[in-house]
N, C-alpha and C. Protein backbone atom coordinates (compact mmCIF):
# COMPACT_ATOMS: atom_id res chain seq x y z
N MET A 1 -0.60 28.70 -18.22
CA MET A 1 -0.29 27.63 -18.14
C MET A 1 -1.03 27.13 -16.74
N ALA A 2 -1.79 28.02 -16.30
CA ALA A 2 -2.85 27.53 -14.98
C ALA A 2 -4.42 27.22 -15.86
N VAL A 3 -4.84 27.31 -16.41
CA VAL A 3 -5.31 26.76 -17.36
C VAL A 3 -5.22 25.19 -17.91
N PHE A 4 -3.81 24.80 -18.21
CA PHE A 4 -3.24 23.77 -18.79
C PHE A 4 -3.45 22.66 -17.17
N ALA A 5 -2.83 23.25 -16.67
CA ALA A 5 -2.50 22.52 -15.53
C ALA A 5 -3.90 22.53 -14.40
N LEU A 6 -5.03 22.79 -14.77
CA LEU A 6 -6.01 22.73 -13.92
C LEU A 6 -6.74 21.86 -15.08
N ARG A 7 -6.69 21.47 -16.62
CA ARG A 7 -7.27 20.79 -17.16
C ARG A 7 -6.50 19.05 -16.91
N ARG A 8 -5.25 19.47 -16.55
CA ARG A 8 -4.45 17.78 -16.36
C ARG A 8 -5.23 17.39 -14.89
N LEU A 9 -4.89 18.08 -13.82
CA LEU A 9 -6.25 17.96 -13.22
C LEU A 9 -7.29 17.01 -12.90
N ALA A 10 -7.97 17.97 -13.50
CA ALA A 10 -9.44 17.13 -14.29
C ALA A 10 -9.22 15.93 -14.61
N GLY A 11 -8.25 15.99 -15.42
CA GLY A 11 -8.60 14.78 -16.04
C GLY A 11 -7.58 13.61 -15.50
N HIS A 12 -7.10 13.79 -14.04
CA HIS A 12 -6.26 12.94 -13.47
C HIS A 12 -7.87 12.59 -12.57
N ALA A 13 -8.68 13.81 -12.11
CA ALA A 13 -9.41 13.36 -11.30
C ALA A 13 -10.87 12.47 -12.00
N LEU A 14 -10.83 12.71 -13.83
CA LEU A 14 -11.69 11.78 -13.78
C LEU A 14 -11.73 10.29 -13.75
N LEU A 15 -10.08 10.54 -13.99
CA LEU A 15 -9.47 9.04 -14.18
C LEU A 15 -9.70 8.45 -12.66
N VAL A 16 -9.20 8.68 -11.52
CA VAL A 16 -9.23 7.99 -10.32
C VAL A 16 -11.25 8.20 -10.08
N ALA A 17 -11.69 8.64 -10.51
CA ALA A 17 -13.14 8.07 -10.20
C ALA A 17 -13.59 7.41 -11.15
N LEU A 18 -13.27 6.91 -12.17
CA LEU A 18 -13.83 5.97 -13.12
C LEU A 18 -13.06 4.83 -12.92
N ALA A 19 -11.61 4.81 -12.25
CA ALA A 19 -11.01 3.52 -11.98
C ALA A 19 -11.46 2.81 -10.15
N ALA A 20 -12.18 4.14 -9.32
CA ALA A 20 -12.66 3.39 -8.50
C ALA A 20 -13.94 2.95 -8.69
N SER A 21 -14.77 3.81 -9.32
CA SER A 21 -15.92 3.13 -9.65
C SER A 21 -16.00 1.60 -10.61
N LEU A 22 -15.11 1.43 -11.26
CA LEU A 22 -15.02 0.28 -11.88
C LEU A 22 -14.66 -0.77 -10.99
N ALA A 23 -13.75 -0.52 -10.15
CA ALA A 23 -13.54 -1.33 -8.71
C ALA A 23 -14.29 -2.02 -8.21
N TYR A 24 -15.25 -0.81 -7.77
CA TYR A 24 -16.32 -1.60 -6.94
C TYR A 24 -17.86 -1.59 -7.90
N LEU A 25 -17.79 -1.95 -8.91
CA LEU A 25 -18.83 -2.96 -9.90
C LEU A 25 -18.26 -3.66 -9.87
N LEU A 26 -16.98 -4.03 -10.08
CA LEU A 26 -16.33 -5.14 -10.20
C LEU A 26 -16.43 -6.04 -9.04
N ALA A 27 -16.10 -5.44 -7.52
CA ALA A 27 -15.96 -6.13 -6.73
C ALA A 27 -17.63 -6.62 -6.49
N ALA A 28 -18.32 -5.37 -6.33
CA ALA A 28 -19.94 -6.09 -6.48
C ALA A 28 -20.35 -6.84 -6.77
N THR A 29 -20.63 -6.82 -7.99
CA THR A 29 -20.43 -8.27 -9.27
C THR A 29 -19.94 -9.43 -8.59
N CYS A 30 -18.56 -9.86 -8.49
CA CYS A 30 -18.08 -11.27 -7.84
C CYS A 30 -17.60 -11.31 -6.77
N LEU A 31 -17.83 -10.21 -6.11
CA LEU A 31 -17.86 -11.05 -4.13
C LEU A 31 -19.32 -11.47 -3.98
N GLN A 32 -19.00 -12.19 -2.65
CA GLN A 32 -20.19 -12.52 -2.42
C GLN A 32 -20.46 -12.53 -0.55
N PRO A 33 -20.75 -11.42 -0.30
CA PRO A 33 -20.73 -11.19 1.13
C PRO A 33 -21.70 -12.04 2.04
N ARG A 34 -23.03 -12.29 1.46
CA ARG A 34 -23.84 -12.93 2.10
C ARG A 34 -23.21 -14.25 2.24
N ALA A 35 -22.48 -14.60 1.86
CA ALA A 35 -21.78 -16.33 2.15
C ALA A 35 -21.27 -15.86 3.52
N ASN A 36 -20.21 -15.13 3.80
CA ASN A 36 -19.84 -14.22 5.12
C ASN A 36 -20.53 -15.12 6.28
N PHE A 37 -21.79 -14.95 5.87
CA PHE A 37 -23.03 -14.58 7.21
C PHE A 37 -23.75 -16.21 6.70
N GLU A 38 -24.00 -16.82 5.68
CA GLU A 38 -24.56 -18.27 5.43
C GLU A 38 -23.50 -19.22 5.90
N GLY A 39 -22.27 -19.03 6.34
CA GLY A 39 -21.00 -20.23 6.77
C GLY A 39 -21.22 -20.24 8.49
N ARG A 40 -21.68 -18.73 8.75
CA ARG A 40 -21.04 -19.28 10.10
C ARG A 40 -22.21 -20.27 10.98
N THR A 41 -21.54 -20.60 12.27
CA THR A 41 -22.52 -21.22 12.79
C THR A 41 -22.52 -21.23 14.30
N PRO A 42 -24.10 -21.05 14.68
CA PRO A 42 -25.29 -21.45 14.17
C PRO A 42 -25.35 -20.19 13.09
N ARG A 43 -26.06 -20.33 11.73
CA ARG A 43 -26.45 -19.73 10.81
C ARG A 43 -27.40 -18.40 11.72
N PRO A 44 -27.08 -17.03 11.00
CA PRO A 44 -28.16 -15.94 11.70
C PRO A 44 -29.25 -16.35 11.03
N ALA A 45 -30.40 -15.44 11.73
CA ALA A 45 -31.77 -15.61 11.43
C ALA A 45 -31.82 -14.97 9.74
N GLN A 46 -32.33 -15.53 9.10
CA GLN A 46 -32.40 -14.42 7.48
C GLN A 46 -32.59 -13.05 7.39
N HIS A 47 -33.67 -12.49 8.49
CA HIS A 47 -34.01 -10.99 8.35
C HIS A 47 -32.94 -10.11 9.01
N VAL A 48 -32.23 -11.12 10.07
CA VAL A 48 -30.55 -10.18 10.56
C VAL A 48 -29.66 -9.76 9.31
N VAL A 49 -29.22 -11.42 8.29
CA VAL A 49 -28.47 -11.07 7.71
C VAL A 49 -29.05 -10.03 6.39
N GLU A 50 -30.11 -10.21 6.00
CA GLU A 50 -30.88 -8.72 5.23
C GLU A 50 -30.12 -7.49 5.80
N ALA A 51 -30.58 -7.46 7.14
CA ALA A 51 -30.78 -6.14 7.94
C ALA A 51 -28.89 -5.61 7.27
N ALA A 52 -28.22 -6.50 8.10
CA ALA A 52 -26.92 -6.63 8.21
C ALA A 52 -26.02 -5.97 6.64
N LEU A 53 -26.81 -6.76 5.78
CA LEU A 53 -25.74 -6.84 4.14
C LEU A 53 -26.49 -5.64 3.92
N THR A 54 -27.74 -4.49 4.29
CA THR A 54 -28.25 -3.68 3.53
C THR A 54 -27.95 -2.40 4.49
N ALA A 55 -27.40 -2.87 5.83
CA ALA A 55 -27.22 -1.37 6.43
C ALA A 55 -25.47 -1.26 5.78
N ALA A 56 -25.03 -2.34 5.58
CA ALA A 56 -23.38 -1.92 4.72
C ALA A 56 -23.42 -1.89 3.37
N ASN A 57 -24.71 -1.19 2.71
CA ASN A 57 -24.95 -1.33 1.11
C ASN A 57 -24.36 -2.60 0.41
N LEU A 58 -24.33 -3.59 0.55
CA LEU A 58 -23.66 -4.66 -0.20
C LEU A 58 -25.23 -6.07 0.05
N ASN A 59 -26.07 -5.86 -0.07
CA ASN A 59 -27.20 -6.73 0.02
C ASN A 59 -27.24 -6.47 -1.69
N ASP A 60 -26.49 -8.27 -1.98
CA ASP A 60 -27.16 -8.80 -3.71
C ASP A 60 -28.51 -8.69 -3.90
N ARG A 61 -29.59 -8.31 -2.92
CA ARG A 61 -30.92 -8.36 -3.72
C ARG A 61 -31.44 -6.48 -3.81
N THR A 62 -30.32 -5.88 -3.89
CA THR A 62 -30.97 -4.79 -3.83
C THR A 62 -30.03 -4.32 -5.09
N PRO A 63 -30.92 -3.82 -5.90
CA PRO A 63 -30.58 -3.46 -7.59
C PRO A 63 -29.10 -3.04 -7.87
N LEU A 64 -28.28 -2.86 -8.38
CA LEU A 64 -26.55 -2.69 -8.47
C LEU A 64 -26.43 -1.01 -9.07
N PRO A 65 -27.56 -0.89 -9.60
CA PRO A 65 -27.44 0.71 -10.14
C PRO A 65 -27.97 1.42 -8.40
N VAL A 66 -28.60 0.88 -7.64
CA VAL A 66 -29.17 1.61 -6.39
C VAL A 66 -27.81 1.60 -5.41
N ARG A 67 -27.35 0.38 -5.20
CA ARG A 67 -26.20 0.25 -4.58
C ARG A 67 -24.92 1.49 -4.95
N TYR A 68 -24.70 1.29 -6.10
CA TYR A 68 -23.64 2.52 -6.77
C TYR A 68 -24.08 3.67 -6.31
N ALA A 69 -25.07 3.78 -6.99
CA ALA A 69 -25.47 5.49 -6.18
C ALA A 69 -25.47 5.59 -4.53
N THR A 70 -25.45 4.56 -4.16
CA THR A 70 -25.47 4.99 -2.68
C THR A 70 -23.97 4.98 -2.06
N TRP A 71 -23.28 4.47 -2.95
CA TRP A 71 -21.60 3.89 -2.63
C TRP A 71 -21.01 5.55 -2.96
N VAL A 72 -21.84 5.67 -4.53
CA VAL A 72 -21.14 7.27 -4.37
C VAL A 72 -21.78 8.65 -3.78
N THR A 73 -23.23 8.54 -3.16
CA THR A 73 -23.51 9.66 -2.43
C THR A 73 -22.65 9.89 -0.60
N HIS A 74 -22.29 8.21 -0.38
CA HIS A 74 -21.37 8.31 0.84
C HIS A 74 -20.11 8.88 0.19
N ILE A 75 -19.26 8.67 -0.83
CA ILE A 75 -18.14 8.69 -0.85
C ILE A 75 -18.00 10.45 -1.25
N ALA A 76 -18.95 11.01 -1.88
CA ALA A 76 -19.07 12.74 -1.76
C ALA A 76 -19.36 13.14 -1.08
N ARG A 77 -19.50 12.85 0.34
CA ARG A 77 -19.80 13.25 1.89
C ARG A 77 -18.43 13.01 2.69
N GLY A 78 -17.29 12.04 1.57
CA GLY A 78 -16.32 11.72 2.57
C GLY A 78 -16.31 10.65 3.45
N ASP A 79 -17.70 9.31 3.58
CA ASP A 79 -17.64 8.72 4.03
C ASP A 79 -17.62 7.85 3.48
N PHE A 80 -16.17 6.85 3.65
CA PHE A 80 -16.32 5.71 2.82
C PHE A 80 -16.54 4.44 3.63
N GLY A 81 -17.12 4.41 4.52
CA GLY A 81 -17.92 3.18 4.86
C GLY A 81 -17.33 2.62 6.37
N ARG A 82 -17.69 1.51 6.62
CA ARG A 82 -16.96 0.45 7.38
C ARG A 82 -17.09 -0.80 7.48
N THR A 83 -15.34 -1.32 8.21
CA THR A 83 -15.48 -2.64 7.81
C THR A 83 -16.62 -3.89 8.60
N TRP A 84 -16.18 -5.06 8.10
CA TRP A 84 -16.82 -6.08 8.60
C TRP A 84 -17.07 -6.19 10.17
N ASP A 85 -16.16 -5.74 11.35
CA ASP A 85 -16.03 -5.76 12.73
C ASP A 85 -16.49 -4.18 13.30
N GLY A 86 -17.28 -3.32 12.04
CA GLY A 86 -17.65 -1.87 12.51
C GLY A 86 -16.59 -0.86 12.87
N ALA A 87 -15.62 -1.10 12.18
CA ALA A 87 -14.45 -0.26 12.24
C ALA A 87 -14.86 0.43 11.35
N SER A 88 -13.85 2.16 11.57
CA SER A 88 -14.27 3.15 10.15
C SER A 88 -13.23 3.22 9.22
N ILE A 89 -13.76 2.56 8.14
CA ILE A 89 -12.30 3.11 7.23
C ILE A 89 -11.95 4.22 6.82
N ASN A 90 -12.46 5.49 6.94
CA ASN A 90 -11.98 6.86 7.13
C ASN A 90 -10.75 6.98 7.93
N ALA A 91 -11.00 6.29 9.29
CA ALA A 91 -9.73 6.12 10.44
C ALA A 91 -8.79 4.86 9.72
N GLU A 92 -8.84 3.98 9.13
CA GLU A 92 -8.02 3.00 8.78
C GLU A 92 -7.41 3.62 7.45
N LEU A 93 -8.00 4.42 6.93
CA LEU A 93 -7.22 5.11 5.53
C LEU A 93 -6.27 6.10 6.46
N ARG A 94 -6.57 7.20 6.81
CA ARG A 94 -5.65 8.16 7.32
C ARG A 94 -4.95 7.16 8.16
N ARG A 95 -4.76 6.19 8.43
CA ARG A 95 -3.44 5.57 9.29
C ARG A 95 -2.60 5.07 8.29
N ARG A 96 -3.51 4.23 7.30
CA ARG A 96 -2.21 3.83 5.99
C ARG A 96 -1.89 4.38 5.32
N ILE A 97 -2.53 5.95 4.72
CA ILE A 97 -1.78 7.12 4.01
C ILE A 97 -0.52 7.58 4.59
N GLY A 98 -0.76 8.03 6.24
CA GLY A 98 0.53 8.69 6.66
C GLY A 98 1.77 7.43 6.73
N VAL A 99 1.13 6.36 6.64
CA VAL A 99 2.39 5.21 6.75
C VAL A 99 2.74 4.75 5.13
N THR A 100 2.05 5.38 4.12
CA THR A 100 2.80 5.50 2.76
C THR A 100 3.17 6.79 2.30
N LEU A 101 2.59 7.83 2.99
CA LEU A 101 3.23 9.00 2.96
C LEU A 101 4.91 9.04 3.27
N ARG A 102 5.02 8.72 4.60
CA ARG A 102 6.42 8.64 5.28
C ARG A 102 7.08 7.40 4.48
N LEU A 103 6.98 6.29 3.94
CA LEU A 103 7.64 5.51 2.85
C LEU A 103 8.25 6.42 1.49
N VAL A 104 7.34 6.93 0.72
CA VAL A 104 7.61 7.71 0.06
C VAL A 104 8.63 8.79 -0.15
N LEU A 105 8.08 9.47 0.83
CA LEU A 105 8.88 10.44 1.14
C LEU A 105 10.27 10.18 1.71
N ILE A 106 10.37 9.52 2.28
CA ILE A 106 12.12 9.14 2.91
C ILE A 106 13.09 8.06 1.92
N GLY A 107 11.81 7.35 1.15
CA GLY A 107 12.28 6.53 -0.28
C GLY A 107 12.49 7.44 -1.15
N THR A 108 12.07 8.35 -1.46
CA THR A 108 12.52 9.34 -2.33
C THR A 108 13.90 10.08 -2.36
N LEU A 109 13.45 10.61 -0.95
CA LEU A 109 14.48 11.18 -0.60
C LEU A 109 15.88 10.35 -0.71
N LEU A 110 15.89 9.66 -0.32
CA LEU A 110 17.17 8.38 -0.09
C LEU A 110 17.18 7.96 -1.20
N GLY A 111 16.83 7.90 -2.23
CA GLY A 111 17.06 7.05 -3.74
C GLY A 111 17.70 8.58 -4.75
N GLY A 112 17.34 9.71 -4.28
CA GLY A 112 17.70 10.76 -5.14
C GLY A 112 18.91 11.09 -4.58
N VAL A 113 19.08 11.19 -3.28
CA VAL A 113 20.67 11.59 -2.54
C VAL A 113 21.83 10.34 -3.53
N LEU A 114 21.24 9.05 -3.04
CA LEU A 114 22.38 7.79 -3.66
C LEU A 114 21.94 8.06 -5.18
N GLY A 115 21.21 8.35 -6.02
CA GLY A 115 21.22 8.84 -7.35
C GLY A 115 22.06 9.59 -7.76
N VAL A 116 22.14 11.01 -6.91
CA VAL A 116 23.07 12.05 -7.49
C VAL A 116 24.66 11.40 -7.10
N LEU A 117 24.31 11.32 -5.68
CA LEU A 117 26.09 10.60 -5.72
C LEU A 117 26.46 9.27 -6.69
N LEU A 118 25.77 8.24 -7.45
CA LEU A 118 25.88 7.35 -7.97
C LEU A 118 26.98 8.03 -9.47
N GLY A 119 25.51 9.11 -9.63
CA GLY A 119 25.99 9.63 -10.69
C GLY A 119 27.33 10.22 -11.17
N ALA A 120 27.19 11.03 -10.19
CA ALA A 120 28.49 12.10 -10.42
C ALA A 120 29.82 11.04 -9.96
N TYR A 121 29.44 9.91 -9.30
CA TYR A 121 30.95 9.18 -9.17
C TYR A 121 31.11 8.53 -10.63
N GLY A 122 30.09 8.12 -11.55
CA GLY A 122 30.13 7.57 -12.41
C GLY A 122 30.31 8.44 -13.54
N ALA A 123 30.30 9.78 -13.47
CA ALA A 123 30.82 10.79 -14.17
C ALA A 123 32.54 10.87 -14.14
N ILE A 124 32.91 10.82 -13.23
CA ILE A 124 34.26 11.08 -12.61
C ILE A 124 34.74 9.96 -13.13
N ARG A 125 34.24 8.82 -12.69
CA ARG A 125 35.05 6.94 -13.54
C ARG A 125 34.86 6.69 -14.76
N GLN A 126 34.19 7.80 -15.50
CA GLN A 126 33.87 7.03 -17.45
C GLN A 126 34.98 5.95 -17.99
N HIS A 127 33.71 4.82 -18.12
CA HIS A 127 34.40 3.76 -19.19
C HIS A 127 35.48 3.49 -18.42
N ARG A 128 35.33 3.18 -17.16
CA ARG A 128 36.11 1.97 -15.78
C ARG A 128 35.17 1.02 -15.45
N VAL A 129 35.86 0.10 -14.92
CA VAL A 129 35.09 -1.08 -14.78
C VAL A 129 33.83 -0.88 -13.57
N SER A 130 33.95 -0.24 -12.47
CA SER A 130 33.04 0.53 -11.64
C SER A 130 32.19 1.02 -12.35
N ASP A 131 32.45 1.53 -13.38
CA ASP A 131 31.24 2.75 -14.09
C ASP A 131 30.32 1.80 -14.50
N ARG A 132 30.83 0.55 -15.50
CA ARG A 132 29.91 -0.28 -16.28
C ARG A 132 29.41 -0.70 -15.09
N LEU A 133 29.81 -1.15 -14.17
CA LEU A 133 29.34 -2.42 -13.53
C LEU A 133 27.98 -1.19 -12.86
N GLY A 134 28.03 -0.86 -12.03
CA GLY A 134 27.31 0.65 -12.04
C GLY A 134 25.91 0.37 -12.99
N THR A 135 26.52 0.74 -14.11
CA THR A 135 25.14 0.75 -15.47
C THR A 135 24.60 -0.44 -15.59
N VAL A 136 25.11 -1.88 -15.32
CA VAL A 136 24.34 -2.55 -15.34
C VAL A 136 23.86 -3.37 -13.74
N VAL A 137 23.93 -3.08 -12.72
CA VAL A 137 23.49 -3.57 -11.57
C VAL A 137 22.23 -2.21 -11.59
N SER A 138 22.19 -1.06 -12.26
CA SER A 138 21.35 -0.28 -12.20
C SER A 138 20.25 -0.47 -13.22
N SER A 139 20.48 -0.77 -14.46
CA SER A 139 19.72 -1.67 -15.22
C SER A 139 19.08 -2.48 -14.67
N ALA A 140 19.94 -3.25 -14.10
CA ALA A 140 19.16 -4.78 -13.38
C ALA A 140 18.09 -4.75 -12.66
N ILE A 141 18.20 -3.84 -11.42
CA ILE A 141 17.29 -2.98 -10.27
C ILE A 141 16.02 -2.80 -11.48
N LEU A 142 16.61 -2.14 -12.36
CA LEU A 142 14.84 -0.92 -12.90
C LEU A 142 13.99 -1.97 -13.75
N ALA A 143 14.96 -3.00 -13.98
CA ALA A 143 14.30 -3.90 -14.98
C ALA A 143 13.82 -4.98 -13.87
N VAL A 144 13.65 -5.02 -12.97
CA VAL A 144 13.32 -6.37 -11.81
C VAL A 144 11.87 -5.58 -11.69
N PRO A 145 10.68 -5.99 -11.47
CA PRO A 145 9.35 -4.91 -10.82
C PRO A 145 9.45 -5.37 -9.39
N VAL A 146 8.77 -4.34 -8.66
CA VAL A 146 9.17 -3.68 -7.59
C VAL A 146 8.61 -4.78 -6.75
N PHE A 147 7.63 -5.81 -6.60
CA PHE A 147 7.30 -6.51 -5.50
C PHE A 147 8.25 -7.61 -5.53
N VAL A 148 8.89 -7.95 -6.76
CA VAL A 148 10.06 -9.11 -6.60
C VAL A 148 11.23 -8.43 -5.75
N LEU A 149 11.55 -7.20 -6.46
CA LEU A 149 12.42 -6.99 -5.45
C LEU A 149 12.35 -6.85 -4.06
N ALA A 150 11.01 -6.64 -3.78
CA ALA A 150 10.72 -6.45 -2.20
C ALA A 150 10.78 -7.66 -1.77
N LEU A 151 10.48 -8.92 -2.77
CA LEU A 151 10.64 -10.14 -1.71
C LEU A 151 12.00 -10.49 -1.78
N LEU A 152 12.88 -10.14 -2.76
CA LEU A 152 14.49 -10.81 -2.58
C LEU A 152 15.01 -9.59 -1.68
N LEU A 153 14.60 -8.43 -1.33
CA LEU A 153 15.30 -7.92 0.17
C LEU A 153 14.89 -8.65 1.12
N GLN A 154 13.53 -8.99 1.30
CA GLN A 154 12.67 -9.65 2.13
C GLN A 154 13.60 -11.46 2.56
N LEU A 155 14.02 -11.59 1.68
CA LEU A 155 14.93 -13.19 1.49
C LEU A 155 16.12 -12.46 1.91
N GLY A 156 16.83 -11.71 1.89
CA GLY A 156 17.82 -11.45 2.15
C GLY A 156 17.95 -11.18 4.01
N ALA A 157 16.90 -10.24 4.05
CA ALA A 157 16.61 -9.75 5.18
C ALA A 157 16.69 -10.68 6.50
N GLN A 158 16.00 -12.26 5.76
CA GLN A 158 16.01 -13.33 6.78
C GLN A 158 17.24 -14.04 7.04
N TRP A 159 17.90 -13.79 5.76
CA TRP A 159 19.79 -14.57 6.30
C TRP A 159 20.10 -13.43 7.00
N VAL A 160 20.11 -12.57 7.16
CA VAL A 160 20.91 -11.08 7.55
C VAL A 160 20.11 -11.71 9.18
N ASN A 161 19.01 -12.32 9.51
CA ASN A 161 18.76 -12.09 11.00
C ASN A 161 18.82 -13.64 11.39
N THR A 162 19.19 -14.68 10.59
CA THR A 162 19.62 -16.16 10.97
C THR A 162 21.21 -15.98 10.99
N VAL A 163 21.59 -15.19 10.22
CA VAL A 163 23.26 -15.08 10.75
C VAL A 163 23.84 -14.57 12.03
N THR A 164 22.92 -13.47 11.94
CA THR A 164 23.19 -12.72 13.13
C THR A 164 22.66 -13.24 14.79
N GLY A 165 21.55 -13.87 14.36
CA GLY A 165 20.98 -14.75 15.76
C GLY A 165 20.12 -13.45 15.94
N ILE A 166 19.55 -12.72 15.77
CA ILE A 166 18.93 -11.34 16.41
C ILE A 166 17.61 -11.02 15.05
N ARG A 167 17.14 -10.71 15.20
CA ARG A 167 15.50 -10.12 14.34
C ARG A 167 16.53 -8.28 14.25
N LEU A 168 17.27 -8.40 13.33
CA LEU A 168 17.98 -6.77 12.85
C LEU A 168 17.04 -6.41 11.94
N ILE A 169 16.28 -6.61 11.31
CA ILE A 169 15.41 -6.52 10.16
C ILE A 169 13.84 -6.73 10.04
N GLU A 170 13.08 -5.89 10.53
CA GLU A 170 11.83 -6.41 10.54
C GLU A 170 11.13 -6.41 9.06
N TYR A 171 10.30 -7.08 8.62
CA TYR A 171 9.83 -7.20 7.32
C TYR A 171 8.67 -7.36 7.26
N VAL A 172 7.60 -7.84 8.78
CA VAL A 172 6.34 -7.56 8.44
C VAL A 172 5.82 -7.08 9.54
N GLY A 173 4.54 -6.58 9.04
CA GLY A 173 3.44 -5.24 9.44
C GLY A 173 4.16 -4.44 10.19
N GLU A 174 3.89 -3.08 10.83
CA GLU A 174 4.34 -1.80 11.00
C GLU A 174 5.03 -2.01 12.63
N TYR A 175 5.49 -1.11 13.28
CA TYR A 175 6.08 -0.81 13.94
C TYR A 175 4.97 0.09 15.08
N THR A 176 4.74 -0.41 16.25
CA THR A 176 4.01 0.34 16.97
C THR A 176 4.32 0.84 18.36
N PRO A 177 3.90 1.54 19.19
CA PRO A 177 4.61 2.24 20.25
C PRO A 177 4.71 1.06 21.36
N GLY A 178 5.31 0.82 22.22
CA GLY A 178 5.27 -0.07 23.18
C GLY A 178 5.87 -1.62 22.90
N GLU A 179 6.17 -1.97 21.42
CA GLU A 179 6.15 -3.05 20.80
C GLU A 179 7.07 -3.73 21.41
N THR A 180 7.53 -4.73 22.10
CA THR A 180 8.63 -5.51 22.68
C THR A 180 9.42 -6.51 21.97
N GLY A 181 9.16 -6.41 20.60
CA GLY A 181 9.84 -7.30 19.72
C GLY A 181 11.09 -6.54 18.82
N GLY A 182 12.64 -6.70 18.66
CA GLY A 182 13.22 -6.44 18.10
C GLY A 182 14.74 -6.06 18.96
N ILE A 183 14.97 -5.21 18.48
CA ILE A 183 16.44 -5.28 19.98
C ILE A 183 16.48 -3.90 20.05
N ILE A 184 15.79 -3.07 19.88
CA ILE A 184 15.72 -1.64 20.55
C ILE A 184 14.28 -0.85 20.63
N ALA A 185 14.08 -0.18 21.55
CA ALA A 185 12.81 0.73 21.13
C ALA A 185 12.72 1.70 20.61
N GLY A 186 11.23 2.47 20.55
CA GLY A 186 11.06 3.62 19.99
C GLY A 186 11.65 4.15 18.73
N LEU A 187 12.90 4.84 18.34
CA LEU A 187 13.00 5.73 16.93
C LEU A 187 13.98 4.29 16.25
N GLY A 188 14.32 3.45 17.05
CA GLY A 188 15.22 2.17 16.26
C GLY A 188 14.40 1.05 16.21
N GLY A 189 13.47 0.68 16.82
CA GLY A 189 12.18 -0.26 16.48
C GLY A 189 11.53 0.27 15.06
N ARG A 190 11.51 1.64 15.12
CA ARG A 190 10.23 2.18 13.87
C ARG A 190 11.37 2.11 12.93
N LEU A 191 12.87 2.44 13.00
CA LEU A 191 13.65 2.22 11.44
C LEU A 191 13.66 0.75 11.24
N GLN A 192 13.77 -0.13 11.95
CA GLN A 192 14.09 -1.66 12.03
C GLN A 192 12.44 -1.79 10.90
N HIS A 193 11.22 -1.55 11.16
CA HIS A 193 10.33 -1.78 10.16
C HIS A 193 10.39 -1.05 9.16
N LEU A 194 10.77 0.07 8.94
CA LEU A 194 10.83 0.90 8.03
C LEU A 194 11.96 1.02 6.87
N ALA A 195 12.97 0.27 7.15
CA ALA A 195 14.27 -0.36 6.72
C ALA A 195 13.86 -1.03 4.74
N LEU A 196 13.48 -1.97 4.92
CA LEU A 196 13.25 -2.99 3.93
C LEU A 196 12.41 -1.77 3.21
N PRO A 197 11.17 -1.27 3.29
CA PRO A 197 10.06 -1.00 2.52
C PRO A 197 10.64 0.07 1.94
N THR A 198 11.50 1.21 2.71
CA THR A 198 12.12 2.20 2.33
C THR A 198 13.10 1.98 1.40
N LEU A 199 14.13 0.69 1.65
CA LEU A 199 15.06 0.58 0.59
C LEU A 199 14.65 -0.13 -0.72
N THR A 200 13.49 -0.82 -0.73
CA THR A 200 12.42 -0.78 -1.67
C THR A 200 12.12 -0.26 -2.79
N ILE A 201 11.83 1.16 -2.41
CA ILE A 201 11.44 2.42 -3.21
C ILE A 201 12.81 3.14 -3.54
N ALA A 202 13.79 3.05 -2.52
CA ALA A 202 14.38 4.40 -2.86
C ALA A 202 15.82 3.52 -3.67
N LEU A 203 15.81 1.91 -3.95
CA LEU A 203 16.54 1.68 -5.19
C LEU A 203 16.22 1.57 -6.55
N GLY A 204 14.92 1.88 -6.37
CA GLY A 204 14.52 2.27 -7.90
C GLY A 204 14.78 3.57 -8.66
């Protein structure tokens, strides 16, 4: 059993490495970071552009295999590089992973509880209108892609906010401590931002 689990884990790790490599190679081939400098006014000196691109491992005049090898070396050390403005991508990844884990955990727990409750209700009231309606609604939700479901929920949130006259549901951005928007602060403000994405995950 342990050997099987290790094989599956190794297979998944290889798949992640392959997908990340293909994404890097595609981006390195198609994107044009040099244009970011050439479009500035005044245009930076050529040696400044070359130095900045080389420091970021984005210089298109460096052979792609060399850039890829540099990227892999940094990734192996746990260094994901920096953004255009010099911020650490590692710090940004930690922040975003925390948000994602929070959403997935809460959404999965909520979806599991609601699913069990609805399943039990359907078992008790088999072959009745409410049972059939629940089956139809569940099938419809499963058939709708997640991003479409999120858009529909966002439109619903806009309607609720318009009808109530207050921003009852936030659907853009992430809550930050000290934020003045919304109707309540602290935990309430965080819940305002979490409600819609959590519901999107839980419904599926």
